[in-house]
Amino acid sequence: MEQSLGLKLIDPVGYLDMLTLNRHARMIITDSGGLQAEATVLRVPCITLRHNTERPATVDAGANQVVGNHPDAIRSAIWSVWNANRPPIRVPELWDGMASARIVQTLTRLYSRD
């Protein structure tokens, strides 16, 4: 099955290795909320095998399709990504990796002695 679908099953990997794999993936198929967010930041299309998501911004950004677990829905989503029938992925405005800088700036402004 792996060869005919172009899939390679691997043993679990560490976080940094997983980020590298995700960055170079054509698509990510997951049920993980964390991977949905990482796929969005990496601009890699994601197919989520659940009926809902705690990360709706990933769907709004065009990065994530929440398809449930029905084989036809999964197959359709895979073909959509494979055939590039999707708009470009937009990373949400505040997902720029600068949250800590904004927090420091806000705290400094709030607690500075003027």
N, C-alpha and C. Protein backbone atom coordinates (compact mmCIF):
# COMPACT_ATOMS: atom_id res chain seq x y z
N MET A 1 0.82 -1.19 0.00
CA MET A 1 0.00 0.00 0.00
C MET A 1 0.87 1.26 0.00
N GLU A 2 1.90 1.30 0.82
CA GLU A 2 2.74 2.49 0.91
C GLU A 2 3.27 2.90 -0.45
N GLN A 3 3.83 1.95 -1.18
CA GLN A 3 4.44 2.26 -2.47
C GLN A 3 3.41 2.79 -3.46
N SER A 4 2.24 2.16 -3.52
CA SER A 4 1.25 2.55 -4.52
C SER A 4 0.68 3.93 -4.24
N LEU A 5 0.67 4.37 -3.00
CA LEU A 5 0.12 5.68 -2.65
C LEU A 5 1.20 6.74 -2.48
N GLY A 6 2.44 6.37 -2.59
CA GLY A 6 3.52 7.32 -2.37
C GLY A 6 3.67 7.70 -0.91
N LEU A 7 3.26 6.82 -0.02
CA LEU A 7 3.36 7.06 1.41
C LEU A 7 4.55 6.30 1.98
N LYS A 8 5.08 6.85 3.04
CA LYS A 8 6.14 6.16 3.75
C LYS A 8 5.80 6.21 5.23
N LEU A 9 5.57 5.06 5.82
CA LEU A 9 5.28 4.98 7.25
C LEU A 9 6.60 4.98 8.00
N ILE A 10 6.68 5.81 9.04
CA ILE A 10 7.92 5.94 9.81
C ILE A 10 7.64 5.80 11.29
N ASP A 11 8.68 5.52 12.05
CA ASP A 11 8.55 5.50 13.50
C ASP A 11 8.40 6.93 14.00
N PRO A 12 7.90 7.10 15.23
CA PRO A 12 7.78 8.46 15.79
C PRO A 12 9.12 9.20 15.76
N VAL A 13 9.03 10.52 15.54
CA VAL A 13 10.23 11.36 15.49
C VAL A 13 10.08 12.50 16.49
N GLY A 14 11.19 13.16 16.80
CA GLY A 14 11.18 14.29 17.71
C GLY A 14 10.55 15.52 17.06
N TYR A 15 10.34 16.55 17.88
CA TYR A 15 9.64 17.75 17.44
C TYR A 15 10.35 18.44 16.27
N LEU A 16 11.65 18.66 16.37
CA LEU A 16 12.36 19.36 15.29
C LEU A 16 12.36 18.56 14.00
N ASP A 17 12.53 17.24 14.10
CA ASP A 17 12.45 16.40 12.91
C ASP A 17 11.05 16.45 12.31
N MET A 18 10.03 16.49 13.16
CA MET A 18 8.65 16.57 12.67
C MET A 18 8.41 17.89 11.95
N LEU A 19 8.94 18.99 12.49
CA LEU A 19 8.81 20.28 11.80
C LEU A 19 9.46 20.24 10.42
N THR A 20 10.62 19.61 10.33
CA THR A 20 11.31 19.49 9.04
C THR A 20 10.48 18.67 8.07
N LEU A 21 9.95 17.55 8.52
CA LEU A 21 9.09 16.73 7.66
C LEU A 21 7.88 17.52 7.20
N ASN A 22 7.24 18.24 8.12
CA ASN A 22 6.05 19.02 7.78
C ASN A 22 6.38 20.12 6.78
N ARG A 23 7.50 20.78 6.98
CA ARG A 23 7.88 21.88 6.09
C ARG A 23 8.05 21.42 4.65
N HIS A 24 8.46 20.18 4.47
CA HIS A 24 8.71 19.66 3.13
C HIS A 24 7.56 18.80 2.61
N ALA A 25 6.48 18.71 3.36
CA ALA A 25 5.34 17.87 2.96
C ALA A 25 4.50 18.56 1.89
N ARG A 26 3.88 17.77 1.04
CA ARG A 26 2.93 18.32 0.07
C ARG A 26 1.59 18.58 0.74
N MET A 27 1.28 17.78 1.76
CA MET A 27 0.08 17.98 2.57
C MET A 27 0.28 17.24 3.88
N ILE A 28 -0.49 17.65 4.88
CA ILE A 28 -0.47 16.99 6.18
C ILE A 28 -1.87 16.47 6.44
N ILE A 29 -1.96 15.21 6.81
CA ILE A 29 -3.24 14.59 7.18
C ILE A 29 -3.13 14.24 8.65
N THR A 30 -4.03 14.78 9.47
CA THR A 30 -3.86 14.67 10.92
C THR A 30 -5.19 14.73 11.66
N ASP A 31 -5.13 14.43 12.94
CA ASP A 31 -6.24 14.74 13.84
C ASP A 31 -5.74 15.65 14.97
N SER A 32 -4.53 16.14 14.85
CA SER A 32 -3.88 16.94 15.88
C SER A 32 -4.12 18.43 15.69
N GLY A 33 -4.59 19.09 16.75
CA GLY A 33 -4.77 20.54 16.71
C GLY A 33 -3.46 21.27 16.51
N GLY A 34 -2.41 20.78 17.17
CA GLY A 34 -1.10 21.42 17.03
C GLY A 34 -0.59 21.36 15.61
N LEU A 35 -0.75 20.22 14.95
CA LEU A 35 -0.29 20.11 13.56
C LEU A 35 -1.11 20.99 12.62
N GLN A 36 -2.38 21.20 12.94
CA GLN A 36 -3.19 22.10 12.11
C GLN A 36 -2.59 23.51 12.13
N ALA A 37 -2.20 23.96 13.31
CA ALA A 37 -1.61 25.30 13.45
C ALA A 37 -0.25 25.37 12.78
N GLU A 38 0.58 24.35 12.98
CA GLU A 38 1.91 24.35 12.37
C GLU A 38 1.82 24.31 10.84
N ALA A 39 0.88 23.54 10.32
CA ALA A 39 0.69 23.49 8.87
C ALA A 39 0.34 24.88 8.33
N THR A 40 -0.49 25.60 9.07
CA THR A 40 -0.89 26.94 8.64
C THR A 40 0.32 27.87 8.57
N VAL A 41 1.12 27.89 9.62
CA VAL A 41 2.31 28.75 9.65
C VAL A 41 3.29 28.36 8.56
N LEU A 42 3.41 27.07 8.30
CA LEU A 42 4.33 26.59 7.27
C LEU A 42 3.75 26.68 5.86
N ARG A 43 2.46 27.06 5.78
CA ARG A 43 1.73 27.16 4.50
C ARG A 43 1.68 25.81 3.77
N VAL A 44 1.47 24.76 4.54
CA VAL A 44 1.31 23.41 3.99
C VAL A 44 -0.16 23.03 4.14
N PRO A 45 -0.84 22.63 3.08
CA PRO A 45 -2.24 22.25 3.20
C PRO A 45 -2.43 21.12 4.21
N CYS A 46 -3.49 21.23 4.99
CA CYS A 46 -3.77 20.26 6.05
C CYS A 46 -5.18 19.70 5.87
N ILE A 47 -5.30 18.41 6.06
CA ILE A 47 -6.60 17.74 6.07
C ILE A 47 -6.77 17.15 7.45
N THR A 48 -7.83 17.59 8.13
CA THR A 48 -8.05 17.16 9.51
C THR A 48 -9.15 16.11 9.56
N LEU A 49 -8.81 14.95 10.09
CA LEU A 49 -9.72 13.81 10.15
C LEU A 49 -10.52 13.86 11.46
N ARG A 50 -11.26 14.93 11.62
CA ARG A 50 -12.17 15.12 12.75
C ARG A 50 -13.39 15.85 12.23
N HIS A 51 -14.41 15.96 13.07
CA HIS A 51 -15.63 16.66 12.67
C HIS A 51 -15.63 18.11 13.14
N ASN A 52 -14.61 18.53 13.88
CA ASN A 52 -14.52 19.91 14.35
C ASN A 52 -13.05 20.23 14.60
N THR A 53 -12.80 21.51 14.85
CA THR A 53 -11.44 21.93 15.17
C THR A 53 -11.48 23.01 16.23
N GLU A 54 -10.52 22.98 17.13
CA GLU A 54 -10.38 24.05 18.11
C GLU A 54 -9.54 25.19 17.53
N ARG A 55 -9.16 25.06 16.26
CA ARG A 55 -8.36 26.08 15.59
C ARG A 55 -9.05 26.55 14.30
N PRO A 56 -10.20 27.22 14.43
CA PRO A 56 -10.93 27.65 13.22
C PRO A 56 -10.14 28.63 12.35
N ALA A 57 -9.17 29.33 12.93
CA ALA A 57 -8.35 30.25 12.13
C ALA A 57 -7.60 29.50 11.03
N THR A 58 -7.31 28.22 11.25
CA THR A 58 -6.60 27.44 10.23
C THR A 58 -7.49 27.21 9.01
N VAL A 59 -8.79 27.05 9.26
CA VAL A 59 -9.76 26.89 8.17
C VAL A 59 -9.94 28.23 7.45
N ASP A 60 -10.12 29.30 8.25
CA ASP A 60 -10.30 30.64 7.67
C ASP A 60 -9.10 31.05 6.82
N ALA A 61 -7.91 30.60 7.19
CA ALA A 61 -6.69 30.95 6.45
C ALA A 61 -6.55 30.17 5.15
N GLY A 62 -7.43 29.19 4.94
CA GLY A 62 -7.35 28.37 3.74
C GLY A 62 -6.33 27.25 3.83
N ALA A 63 -5.84 26.99 5.04
CA ALA A 63 -4.81 25.97 5.22
C ALA A 63 -5.39 24.61 5.56
N ASN A 64 -6.58 24.59 6.13
CA ASN A 64 -7.09 23.37 6.76
C ASN A 64 -8.49 23.03 6.25
N GLN A 65 -8.68 21.77 5.91
CA GLN A 65 -10.01 21.24 5.61
C GLN A 65 -10.36 20.23 6.69
N VAL A 66 -11.45 20.46 7.39
CA VAL A 66 -11.92 19.54 8.42
C VAL A 66 -12.93 18.63 7.74
N VAL A 67 -12.57 17.35 7.57
CA VAL A 67 -13.37 16.48 6.70
C VAL A 67 -14.03 15.30 7.41
N GLY A 68 -13.78 15.13 8.69
CA GLY A 68 -14.36 13.99 9.39
C GLY A 68 -13.61 12.72 9.06
N ASN A 69 -14.34 11.60 9.11
CA ASN A 69 -13.67 10.31 8.89
C ASN A 69 -14.30 9.47 7.79
N HIS A 70 -15.15 10.07 6.98
CA HIS A 70 -15.76 9.32 5.88
C HIS A 70 -14.76 9.22 4.72
N PRO A 71 -14.53 8.00 4.23
CA PRO A 71 -13.52 7.81 3.18
C PRO A 71 -13.72 8.70 1.95
N ASP A 72 -14.96 8.91 1.51
CA ASP A 72 -15.18 9.75 0.33
C ASP A 72 -14.77 11.20 0.58
N ALA A 73 -15.06 11.71 1.78
CA ALA A 73 -14.68 13.09 2.11
C ALA A 73 -13.16 13.22 2.19
N ILE A 74 -12.53 12.23 2.77
CA ILE A 74 -11.06 12.24 2.87
C ILE A 74 -10.45 12.19 1.47
N ARG A 75 -10.94 11.29 0.65
CA ARG A 75 -10.43 11.14 -0.72
C ARG A 75 -10.61 12.45 -1.50
N SER A 76 -11.77 13.07 -1.39
CA SER A 76 -12.03 14.32 -2.10
C SER A 76 -11.08 15.43 -1.66
N ALA A 77 -10.84 15.52 -0.36
CA ALA A 77 -9.93 16.55 0.16
C ALA A 77 -8.50 16.30 -0.33
N ILE A 78 -8.07 15.05 -0.31
CA ILE A 78 -6.72 14.72 -0.79
C ILE A 78 -6.57 15.11 -2.26
N TRP A 79 -7.56 14.78 -3.08
CA TRP A 79 -7.48 15.11 -4.50
C TRP A 79 -7.50 16.62 -4.72
N SER A 80 -8.26 17.34 -3.90
CA SER A 80 -8.30 18.79 -3.99
C SER A 80 -6.91 19.39 -3.76
N VAL A 81 -6.23 18.90 -2.74
CA VAL A 81 -4.87 19.38 -2.46
C VAL A 81 -3.92 18.91 -3.56
N TRP A 82 -4.01 17.66 -3.90
CA TRP A 82 -3.09 17.07 -4.88
C TRP A 82 -3.16 17.81 -6.22
N ASN A 83 -4.38 18.19 -6.61
CA ASN A 83 -4.59 18.87 -7.89
C ASN A 83 -4.50 20.39 -7.77
N ALA A 84 -4.12 20.87 -6.59
CA ALA A 84 -3.93 22.31 -6.33
C ALA A 84 -5.17 23.13 -6.64
N ASN A 85 -6.34 22.59 -6.32
CA ASN A 85 -7.59 23.31 -6.52
C ASN A 85 -7.94 24.12 -5.28
N ARG A 86 -6.99 24.94 -4.83
CA ARG A 86 -7.18 25.69 -3.58
C ARG A 86 -6.57 27.07 -3.72
N PRO A 87 -7.18 28.04 -3.02
CA PRO A 87 -6.53 29.36 -2.98
C PRO A 87 -5.27 29.30 -2.13
N PRO A 88 -4.39 30.29 -2.25
CA PRO A 88 -3.17 30.30 -1.43
C PRO A 88 -3.49 30.38 0.06
N ILE A 89 -2.63 29.82 0.87
CA ILE A 89 -2.79 29.84 2.33
C ILE A 89 -2.32 31.19 2.85
N ARG A 90 -3.15 31.79 3.70
CA ARG A 90 -2.81 33.07 4.34
C ARG A 90 -2.54 32.81 5.82
N VAL A 91 -1.39 33.18 6.30
CA VAL A 91 -1.09 33.03 7.72
C VAL A 91 -1.85 34.13 8.46
N PRO A 92 -2.62 33.79 9.51
CA PRO A 92 -3.37 34.81 10.25
C PRO A 92 -2.46 35.94 10.74
N GLU A 93 -3.04 37.13 10.81
CA GLU A 93 -2.29 38.36 11.07
C GLU A 93 -1.35 38.28 12.27
N LEU A 94 -1.81 37.79 13.38
CA LEU A 94 -0.98 37.79 14.59
C LEU A 94 -0.17 36.51 14.78
N TRP A 95 -0.12 35.65 13.77
CA TRP A 95 0.65 34.41 13.85
C TRP A 95 2.04 34.62 13.25
N ASP A 96 2.68 35.69 13.63
CA ASP A 96 3.95 36.08 13.02
C ASP A 96 5.17 35.74 13.87
N GLY A 97 4.98 35.05 14.99
CA GLY A 97 6.10 34.70 15.86
C GLY A 97 6.56 35.84 16.75
N MET A 98 5.80 36.91 16.79
CA MET A 98 6.20 38.09 17.56
C MET A 98 5.33 38.31 18.80
N ALA A 99 4.63 37.28 19.26
CA ALA A 99 3.74 37.43 20.42
C ALA A 99 4.50 37.91 21.65
N SER A 100 5.66 37.33 21.92
CA SER A 100 6.40 37.72 23.13
C SER A 100 6.83 39.19 23.06
N ALA A 101 7.22 39.66 21.89
CA ALA A 101 7.60 41.07 21.74
C ALA A 101 6.41 41.98 22.00
N ARG A 102 5.23 41.59 21.51
CA ARG A 102 4.03 42.40 21.76
C ARG A 102 3.66 42.40 23.24
N ILE A 103 3.83 41.27 23.90
CA ILE A 103 3.54 41.18 25.34
C ILE A 103 4.48 42.09 26.13
N VAL A 104 5.76 42.01 25.83
CA VAL A 104 6.74 42.87 26.53
C VAL A 104 6.41 44.34 26.28
N GLN A 105 6.10 44.68 25.05
CA GLN A 105 5.77 46.07 24.72
C GLN A 105 4.53 46.53 25.50
N THR A 106 3.51 45.70 25.58
CA THR A 106 2.30 46.06 26.31
C THR A 106 2.58 46.19 27.80
N LEU A 107 3.30 45.23 28.38
CA LEU A 107 3.62 45.30 29.81
C LEU A 107 4.49 46.51 30.13
N THR A 108 5.43 46.80 29.27
CA THR A 108 6.29 47.97 29.48
C THR A 108 5.44 49.24 29.46
N ARG A 109 4.54 49.33 28.51
CA ARG A 109 3.68 50.50 28.42
C ARG A 109 2.76 50.60 29.64
N LEU A 110 2.22 49.49 30.08
CA LEU A 110 1.30 49.50 31.23
C LEU A 110 1.98 49.82 32.54
N TYR A 111 3.21 49.35 32.70
CA TYR A 111 3.87 49.47 34.00
C TYR A 111 5.04 50.44 34.03
N SER A 112 5.23 51.19 32.96
CA SER A 112 6.32 52.18 32.98
C SER A 112 5.90 53.36 33.84
N ARG A 113 6.88 53.97 34.46
CA ARG A 113 6.61 55.11 35.34
C ARG A 113 6.77 56.38 34.52
N ASP A 114 5.65 56.95 34.19
CA ASP A 114 5.67 58.20 33.40
C ASP A 114 5.53 59.39 34.29
